[in-house]
């Protein structure tokens, strides 16, 4: 199973600004979105052996929040791979 999950709303998303490699944080709504995504995936019985994310805080933190719900009560130890190669486009 392949699941693609976009990061929650960032501070700049809320201002309708492009972020690129600017490492902005999530809004409270963005954190809630990530938690809800994890809750939905967990409620459908999904678990993951490995998860990939960029090194940008908004993506990495979204994954951490979602995985905290997915792995809640499980003994599964999901491998997290963080790579700059998954960062969003660099706008210069």
Protein backbone atom coordinates (compact mmCIF):
# COMPACT_ATOMS: atom_id res chain seq x y z
CA UNK A 1 0.00 0.00 0.00
CA UNK A 2 1.35 3.42 -0.96
CA UNK A 3 -0.08 6.42 0.88
CA UNK A 4 0.86 9.97 -0.12
CA UNK A 5 0.18 12.52 2.57
CA UNK A 6 0.77 16.24 2.14
CA UNK A 7 1.86 18.27 5.13
CA UNK A 8 -0.72 20.15 7.16
CA UNK A 9 -1.33 23.86 6.71
CA UNK A 10 1.81 25.90 7.31
CA UNK A 11 2.04 29.50 8.47
CA UNK A 12 2.79 30.61 4.92
CA UNK A 13 0.01 28.45 3.43
CA UNK A 14 -2.40 30.40 5.61
CA UNK A 15 -1.04 33.61 4.03
CA UNK A 16 -1.23 32.16 0.48
CA UNK A 17 2.57 32.35 0.10
CA UNK A 18 4.87 29.84 -1.61
CA UNK A 19 7.28 28.24 0.81
CA UNK A 20 9.77 26.28 -1.28
CA UNK A 21 12.70 25.51 1.01
CA UNK A 22 11.78 28.13 3.62
CA UNK A 23 11.38 26.03 6.73
CA UNK A 24 8.12 27.36 8.12
CA UNK A 25 6.13 25.62 10.84
CA UNK A 26 2.60 24.30 10.87
CA UNK A 27 -0.36 26.30 12.10
CA UNK A 28 -2.54 24.82 14.84
CA UNK A 29 -4.97 23.83 12.07
CA UNK A 30 -2.11 22.13 10.23
CA UNK A 31 -1.19 20.13 13.30
CA UNK A 32 -4.83 19.09 13.71
CA UNK A 33 -4.97 18.08 10.03
CA UNK A 34 -1.92 15.82 10.44
CA UNK A 35 -3.36 14.23 13.57
CA UNK A 36 -6.70 13.69 11.82
CA UNK A 37 -4.93 12.07 8.84
CA UNK A 38 -3.22 9.64 11.21
CA UNK A 39 -6.50 8.96 13.00
CA UNK A 40 -8.27 8.15 9.72
CA UNK A 41 -5.47 5.87 8.53
CA UNK A 42 -5.38 4.08 11.90
CA UNK A 43 -9.17 3.65 11.92
CA UNK A 44 -8.88 1.85 8.59
CA UNK A 45 -6.30 -0.53 10.01
CA UNK A 46 -3.28 0.78 8.17
CA UNK A 47 0.22 0.36 9.53
CA UNK A 48 3.54 1.07 7.86
CA UNK A 49 6.96 -0.54 7.89
CA UNK A 50 8.64 2.55 6.46
CA UNK A 51 7.71 6.20 5.92
CA UNK A 52 9.54 8.85 3.91
CA UNK A 53 9.55 12.60 4.47
CA UNK A 54 11.52 15.67 3.51
CA UNK A 55 13.76 17.38 6.04
CA UNK A 56 11.50 20.43 6.14
CA UNK A 57 9.81 20.92 9.49
CA UNK A 58 6.25 21.15 8.14
CA UNK A 59 6.51 17.77 6.40
CA UNK A 60 8.56 16.03 9.06
CA UNK A 61 6.33 17.25 11.89
CA UNK A 62 3.17 16.30 9.95
CA UNK A 63 4.53 12.78 9.55
CA UNK A 64 5.46 12.55 13.24
CA UNK A 65 1.97 13.66 14.28
CA UNK A 66 0.23 11.28 11.88
CA UNK A 67 2.45 8.35 12.85
CA UNK A 68 1.81 8.97 16.55
CA UNK A 69 -1.85 8.16 15.88
CA UNK A 70 -1.17 5.30 13.46
CA UNK A 71 1.25 3.56 15.82
CA UNK A 72 -0.74 4.32 18.99
CA UNK A 73 -1.14 1.07 20.89
CA UNK A 74 0.86 -0.90 18.29
CA UNK A 75 4.19 -2.58 18.69
CA UNK A 76 5.17 -1.67 15.12
CA UNK A 77 8.36 0.33 14.86
CA UNK A 78 8.00 2.31 11.64
CA UNK A 79 11.32 3.24 10.03
CA UNK A 80 11.33 6.98 9.19
CA UNK A 81 13.59 8.11 6.35
CA UNK A 82 14.14 11.86 6.12
CA UNK A 83 15.82 13.20 2.98
CA UNK A 84 16.39 16.66 1.54
CA UNK A 85 15.76 15.06 -1.84
CA UNK A 86 12.05 15.06 -0.94
CA UNK A 87 12.02 18.79 -0.12
CA UNK A 88 9.72 20.98 -2.15
CA UNK A 89 10.97 22.85 -5.19
CA UNK A 90 13.62 25.49 -4.45
CA UNK A 91 12.44 28.82 -5.87
CA UNK A 92 15.82 30.48 -5.52
